[in-house]
PDB file of N, CA and C in Angstrom:
ATOM      1  N   MET A   1       0.820  -1.177   0.000  1.00  0.00           N
ATOM      2  CA  MET A   1       0.000   0.000   0.000  1.00  0.00           C
ATOM      3  C   MET A   1       0.873   1.253   0.000  1.00  0.00           C
ATOM      4  N   ALA A   2       1.918   1.250   0.811  1.00  0.00           N
ATOM      5  CA  ALA A   2       2.801   2.417   0.881  1.00  0.00           C
ATOM      6  C   ALA A   2       3.474   2.686  -0.461  1.00  0.00           C
ATOM      7  N   ALA A   3       3.870   1.611  -1.150  1.00  0.00           N
ATOM      8  CA  ALA A   3       4.510   1.768  -2.461  1.00  0.00           C
ATOM      9  C   ALA A   3       3.528   2.349  -3.474  1.00  0.00           C
ATOM     10  N   GLU A   4       2.291   1.894  -3.434  1.00  0.00           N
ATOM     11  CA  GLU A   4       1.260   2.415  -4.335  1.00  0.00           C
ATOM     12  C   GLU A   4       1.015   3.899  -4.072  1.00  0.00           C
ATOM     13  N   ASN A   5       0.931   4.275  -2.800  1.00  0.00           N
ATOM     14  CA  ASN A   5       0.716   5.679  -2.446  1.00  0.00           C
ATOM     15  C   ASN A   5       1.889   6.547  -2.895  1.00  0.00           C
ATOM     16  N   GLN A   6       3.101   6.034  -2.756  1.00  0.00           N
ATOM     17  CA  GLN A   6       4.274   6.790  -3.190  1.00  0.00           C
ATOM     18  C   GLN A   6       4.284   6.948  -4.705  1.00  0.00           C
ATOM     19  N   ASP A   7       3.930   5.901  -5.430  1.00  0.00           N
ATOM     20  CA  ASP A   7       3.857   5.977  -6.895  1.00  0.00           C
ATOM     21  C   ASP A   7       2.827   7.017  -7.319  1.00  0.00           C
ATOM     22  N   ARG A   8       1.679   7.017  -6.658  1.00  0.00           N
ATOM     23  CA  ARG A   8       0.613   7.973  -6.969  1.00  0.00           C
ATOM     24  C   ARG A   8       1.084   9.402  -6.705  1.00  0.00           C
ATOM     25  N   LYS A   9       1.772   9.591  -5.593  1.00  0.00           N
ATOM     26  CA  LYS A   9       2.273  10.921  -5.245  1.00  0.00           C
ATOM     27  C   LYS A   9       3.283  11.404  -6.284  1.00  0.00           C
ATOM     28  N   THR A  10       4.146  10.509  -6.733  1.00  0.00           N
ATOM     29  CA  THR A  10       5.132  10.857  -7.758  1.00  0.00           C
ATOM     30  C   THR A  10       4.446  11.330  -9.034  1.00  0.00           C
ATOM     31  N   ILE A  11       3.406  10.628  -9.424  1.00  0.00           N
ATOM     32  CA  ILE A  11       2.655  11.008 -10.626  1.00  0.00           C
ATOM     33  C   ILE A  11       1.970  12.354 -10.424  1.00  0.00           C
ATOM     34  N   TYR A  12       1.366  12.556  -9.266  1.00  0.00           N
ATOM     35  CA  TYR A  12       0.691  13.824  -8.973  1.00  0.00           C
ATOM     36  C   TYR A  12       1.680  14.990  -8.986  1.00  0.00           C
ATOM     37  N   ILE A  13       2.889  14.771  -8.485  1.00  0.00           N
ATOM     38  CA  ILE A  13       3.916  15.817  -8.509  1.00  0.00           C
ATOM     39  C   ILE A  13       4.272  16.176  -9.942  1.00  0.00           C
ATOM     40  N   GLN A  14       4.410  15.173 -10.797  1.00  0.00           N
ATOM     41  CA  GLN A  14       4.722  15.424 -12.205  1.00  0.00           C
ATOM     42  C   GLN A  14       3.605  16.218 -12.879  1.00  0.00           C
ATOM     43  N   ILE A  15       2.368  15.845 -12.621  1.00  0.00           N
ATOM     44  CA  ILE A  15       1.232  16.552 -13.200  1.00  0.00           C
ATOM     45  C   ILE A  15       1.202  17.993 -12.698  1.00  0.00           C
ATOM     46  N   ALA A  16       1.428  18.182 -11.404  1.00  0.00           N
ATOM     47  CA  ALA A  16       1.419  19.528 -10.822  1.00  0.00           C
ATOM     48  C   ALA A  16       2.479  20.410 -11.480  1.00  0.00           C
ATOM     49  N   LYS A  17       3.657  19.873 -11.710  1.00  0.00           N
ATOM     50  CA  LYS A  17       4.723  20.643 -12.359  1.00  0.00           C
ATOM     51  C   LYS A  17       4.350  20.988 -13.791  1.00  0.00           C
ATOM     52  N   GLN A  18       3.774  20.031 -14.525  1.00  0.00           N
ATOM     53  CA  GLN A  18       3.378  20.273 -15.917  1.00  0.00           C
ATOM     54  C   GLN A  18       2.310  21.350 -16.013  1.00  0.00           C
ATOM     55  N   GLN A  19       1.382  21.362 -15.055  1.00  0.00           N
ATOM     56  CA  GLN A  19       0.268  22.293 -15.099  1.00  0.00           C
ATOM     57  C   GLN A  19       0.524  23.551 -14.275  1.00  0.00           C
ATOM     58  N   ASN A  20       1.682  23.617 -13.638  1.00  0.00           N
ATOM     59  CA  ASN A  20       2.073  24.753 -12.810  1.00  0.00           C
ATOM     60  C   ASN A  20       1.032  25.048 -11.727  1.00  0.00           C
ATOM     61  N   VAL A  21       0.636  23.989 -11.021  1.00  0.00           N
ATOM     62  CA  VAL A  21      -0.320  24.087  -9.918  1.00  0.00           C
ATOM     63  C   VAL A  21       0.231  23.294  -8.727  1.00  0.00           C
ATOM     64  N   SER A  22      -0.436  23.396  -7.600  1.00  0.00           N
ATOM     65  CA  SER A  22       0.015  22.673  -6.413  1.00  0.00           C
ATOM     66  C   SER A  22      -0.398  21.199  -6.486  1.00  0.00           C
ATOM     67  N   ILE A  23       0.329  20.373  -5.770  1.00  0.00           N
ATOM     68  CA  ILE A  23      -0.020  18.955  -5.703  1.00  0.00           C
ATOM     69  C   ILE A  23      -1.388  18.778  -5.046  1.00  0.00           C
ATOM     70  N   GLN A  24      -1.714  19.662  -4.104  1.00  0.00           N
ATOM     71  CA  GLN A  24      -3.017  19.583  -3.438  1.00  0.00           C
ATOM     72  C   GLN A  24      -4.155  19.786  -4.428  1.00  0.00           C
ATOM     73  N   LEU A  25      -3.964  20.682  -5.390  1.00  0.00           N
ATOM     74  CA  LEU A  25      -4.995  20.901  -6.400  1.00  0.00           C
ATOM     75  C   LEU A  25      -5.147  19.660  -7.282  1.00  0.00           C
ATOM     76  N   VAL A  26      -4.037  19.036  -7.646  1.00  0.00           N
ATOM     77  CA  VAL A  26      -4.081  17.806  -8.444  1.00  0.00           C
ATOM     78  C   VAL A  26      -4.839  16.724  -7.665  1.00  0.00           C
ATOM     79  N   GLN A  27      -4.553  16.601  -6.380  1.00  0.00           N
ATOM     80  CA  GLN A  27      -5.223  15.601  -5.547  1.00  0.00           C
ATOM     81  C   GLN A  27      -6.721  15.880  -5.461  1.00  0.00           C
ATOM     82  N   LYS A  28      -7.108  17.135  -5.288  1.00  0.00           N
ATOM     83  CA  LYS A  28      -8.529  17.494  -5.212  1.00  0.00           C
ATOM     84  C   LYS A  28      -9.249  17.199  -6.521  1.00  0.00           C
ATOM     85  N   ARG A  29      -8.583  17.502  -7.626  1.00  0.00           N
ATOM     86  CA  ARG A  29      -9.188  17.224  -8.938  1.00  0.00           C
ATOM     87  C   ARG A  29      -9.389  15.721  -9.134  1.00  0.00           C
ATOM     88  N   ARG A  30      -8.408  14.946  -8.732  1.00  0.00           N
ATOM     89  CA  ARG A  30      -8.506  13.483  -8.880  1.00  0.00           C
ATOM     90  C   ARG A  30      -9.623  12.925  -8.003  1.00  0.00           C
ATOM     91  N   ALA A  31      -9.708  13.429  -6.774  1.00  0.00           N
ATOM     92  CA  ALA A  31     -10.765  12.974  -5.868  1.00  0.00           C
ATOM     93  C   ALA A  31     -12.140  13.305  -6.448  1.00  0.00           C
ATOM     94  N   ALA A  32     -12.287  14.491  -7.023  1.00  0.00           N
ATOM     95  CA  ALA A  32     -13.568  14.883  -7.620  1.00  0.00           C
ATOM     96  C   ALA A  32     -13.917  13.977  -8.792  1.00  0.00           C
ATOM     97  N   THR A  33     -12.917  13.631  -9.593  1.00  0.00           N
ATOM     98  CA  THR A  33     -13.144  12.730 -10.726  1.00  0.00           C
ATOM     99  C   THR A  33     -13.568  11.347 -10.251  1.00  0.00           C
ATOM    100  N   LEU A  34     -12.870  10.828  -9.237  1.00  0.00           N
ATOM    101  CA  LEU A  34     -13.222   9.508  -8.711  1.00  0.00           C
ATOM    102  C   LEU A  34     -14.634   9.501  -8.139  1.00  0.00           C
ATOM    103  N   PHE A  35     -15.014  10.572  -7.451  1.00  0.00           N
ATOM    104  CA  PHE A  35     -16.352  10.653  -6.885  1.00  0.00           C
ATOM    105  C   PHE A  35     -17.398  10.719  -7.994  1.00  0.00           C
ATOM    106  N   SER A  36     -17.175  11.551  -9.005  1.00  0.00           N
ATOM    107  CA  SER A  36     -18.167  11.688 -10.068  1.00  0.00           C
ATOM    108  C   SER A  36     -18.319  10.406 -10.882  1.00  0.00           C
ATOM    109  N   ASN A  37     -17.244   9.626 -10.982  1.00  0.00           N
ATOM    110  CA  ASN A  37     -17.304   8.357 -11.710  1.00  0.00           C
ATOM    111  C   ASN A  37     -17.671   7.185 -10.800  1.00  0.00           C
ATOM    112  N   GLY A  38     -17.868   7.468  -9.517  1.00  0.00           N
ATOM    113  CA  GLY A  38     -18.143   6.422  -8.536  1.00  0.00           C
ATOM    114  C   GLY A  38     -19.521   5.807  -8.687  1.00  0.00           C
ATOM    115  N   THR A  39     -19.705   4.719  -7.996  1.00  0.00           N
ATOM    116  CA  THR A  39     -20.931   3.947  -8.054  1.00  0.00           C
ATOM    117  C   THR A  39     -21.965   4.495  -7.085  1.00  0.00           C
ATOM    118  N   GLU A  40     -23.196   4.596  -7.553  1.00  0.00           N
ATOM    119  CA  GLU A  40     -24.295   5.020  -6.689  1.00  0.00           C
ATOM    120  C   GLU A  40     -24.425   4.048  -5.525  1.00  0.00           C
ATOM    121  N   GLY A  41     -24.633   4.609  -4.339  1.00  0.00           N
ATOM    122  CA  GLY A  41     -24.800   3.785  -3.154  1.00  0.00           C
ATOM    123  C   GLY A  41     -23.516   3.525  -2.383  1.00  0.00           C
ATOM    124  N   HIS A  42     -22.358   3.768  -3.019  1.00  0.00           N
ATOM    125  CA  HIS A  42     -21.085   3.588  -2.328  1.00  0.00           C
ATOM    126  C   HIS A  42     -20.795   4.794  -1.447  1.00  0.00           C
ATOM    127  N   TYR A  43     -19.968   4.587  -0.444  1.00  0.00           N
ATOM    128  CA  TYR A  43     -19.588   5.657   0.470  1.00  0.00           C
ATOM    129  C   TYR A  43     -18.225   6.206   0.093  1.00  0.00           C
ATOM    130  N   TYR A  44     -18.080   7.524   0.202  1.00  0.00           N
ATOM    131  CA  TYR A  44     -16.842   8.222  -0.105  1.00  0.00           C
ATOM    132  C   TYR A  44     -16.549   9.204   1.008  1.00  0.00           C
ATOM    133  N   GLN A  45     -15.275   9.432   1.263  1.00  0.00           N
ATOM    134  CA  GLN A  45     -14.881  10.354   2.315  1.00  0.00           C
ATOM    135  C   GLN A  45     -14.616  11.726   1.706  1.00  0.00           C
ATOM    136  N   ASN A  46     -15.247  12.770   2.258  1.00  0.00           N
ATOM    137  CA  ASN A  46     -15.039  14.111   1.746  1.00  0.00           C
ATOM    138  C   ASN A  46     -13.819  14.756   2.397  1.00  0.00           C
ATOM    139  N   GLU A  47     -13.537  16.021   2.048  1.00  0.00           N
ATOM    140  CA  GLU A  47     -12.352  16.716   2.557  1.00  0.00           C
ATOM    141  C   GLU A  47     -12.343  16.840   4.074  1.00  0.00           C
ATOM    142  N   ALA A  48     -13.510  16.910   4.669  1.00  0.00           N
ATOM    143  CA  ALA A  48     -13.619  17.051   6.126  1.00  0.00           C
ATOM    144  C   ALA A  48     -13.475  15.710   6.842  1.00  0.00           C
ATOM    145  N   GLY A  49     -13.357  14.630   6.074  1.00  0.00           N
ATOM    146  CA  GLY A  49     -13.215  13.308   6.670  1.00  0.00           C
ATOM    147  C   GLY A  49     -14.536  12.620   6.953  1.00  0.00           C
ATOM    148  N   VAL A  50     -15.625  13.231   6.487  1.00  0.00           N
ATOM    149  CA  VAL A  50     -16.963  12.674   6.706  1.00  0.00           C
ATOM    150  C   VAL A  50     -17.293  11.736   5.547  1.00  0.00           C
ATOM    151  N   TRP A  51     -17.821  10.561   5.900  1.00  0.00           N
ATOM    152  CA  TRP A  51     -18.223   9.600   4.886  1.00  0.00           C
ATOM    153  C   TRP A  51     -19.616   9.953   4.391  1.00  0.00           C
ATOM    154  N   ILE A  52     -19.748  10.057   3.056  1.00  0.00           N
ATOM    155  CA  ILE A  52     -21.047  10.375   2.462  1.00  0.00           C
ATOM    156  C   ILE A  52     -21.403   9.299   1.438  1.00  0.00           C
ATOM    157  N   ARG A  53     -22.687   9.099   1.275  1.00  0.00           N
ATOM    158  CA  ARG A  53     -23.164   8.096   0.319  1.00  0.00           C
ATOM    159  C   ARG A  53     -23.520   8.785  -0.977  1.00  0.00           C
ATOM    160  N   LYS A  54     -23.048   8.237  -2.053  1.00  0.00           N
ATOM    161  CA  LYS A  54     -23.335   8.809  -3.360  1.00  0.00           C
ATOM    162  C   LYS A  54     -24.678   8.339  -3.835  1.00  0.00           C
TER     163      LYS A  54
END
């Protein structure tokens, strides 16, 4: 799991540099994409750490 998270972070850093934005913005955009493409009825954690049902 740690290796996967590190790989993801490396990719996000590369994207942030290419787009001249912060890594946090890249992470927020990815989270929004995953949520919008997510399955109805599944639970997702928002920025505040609260689990919400889609």
